[in-house]
Amino acid sequence: MGRKPIDDREPLRDFVAKAIKKAIVTGRLKPGQRLVEERLADELGVSRNPVREAIRALASEGLIDVAPRRGARVTLLSRQEALEMIEVRAALEGLNAKLAARHRPEHLIEQLKAVLADGRSRAARGSGTPRDFVNLNAKYHDLLAQAGTNSALRDVMRIMRERTASVFAPLSLKRAVENWEEHAAILQAVIAGDEELAELLASRHVLNTGEAAAQAPHETSEPPRSDDDQPAQTKRRKVRAPTRV
């Protein structure tokens, strides 16, 4: 995850939770991967208490599973759980795109155009890392969610995106061209004010990616219980920074 400056105004639990959540959503922490409190604390430059609190908070959001005598692991969705969440997310994304086509806030449309141009260019050239595409994809969907101008819907969508991130992130590079062409079609419908088409395309976009995920190899067995389950970055020897409690 890498050590980041700590904002003194932000509770440590929230700082740690955001760092772990970002690592999960971007695919740096894999489904089923064990989370070792001591290593996370060392990497983030904090004590183990805020790490423990952050893990409990993320467990309540469904991103982490905590089991007696087994510790904490990144949630590993079953195929059925993933399909059910994808269906819900498809419906939500469709509704949001419909609202975005109705409101069409100009400042957000311009930002969406810029992100779209970047994503399509990278996809066409075959440049960029999986993390680049994950981040660009998240930015596109965040802006589109804002364009829907419905804060309640945006909050629910954020939860569903986080819960399905482990399904979609591995396809961010493999499906880059298709993703960004579908993004372009959605935005075109939004700009045209075609609510029905925007809803259809946004919903279909999620379902298309879900179908691609269903055809990909699926991890059905639990990863080995090893202290080496942590990200590669945590295995490097580091100079310990002063620990903040």
Foldseek 3Di string as FASTA:
>chain_A
DAEDDDDPVDPLLVVLLVVVLVCLLLCLAAALFADDQVLSCQRHQADSVSVVVSQVVVVVLVQWDQDPPQGIGGHADDLVRLVVLLLVLLQLQLLLLLLLLQQVDPVLLVVLVVLLVVLQVCLVVLDDDLSRLSVSVVVNSLSSNVSSVDVVSSVVSVSSSSNNSNLQSVCSSVCSNVLSVLSVQLSVCSPVSPSNSNSVSSSVSSVVSSVVSVPDDGDDDRDDRDPVSHRPVSPDDDDGDNYDD
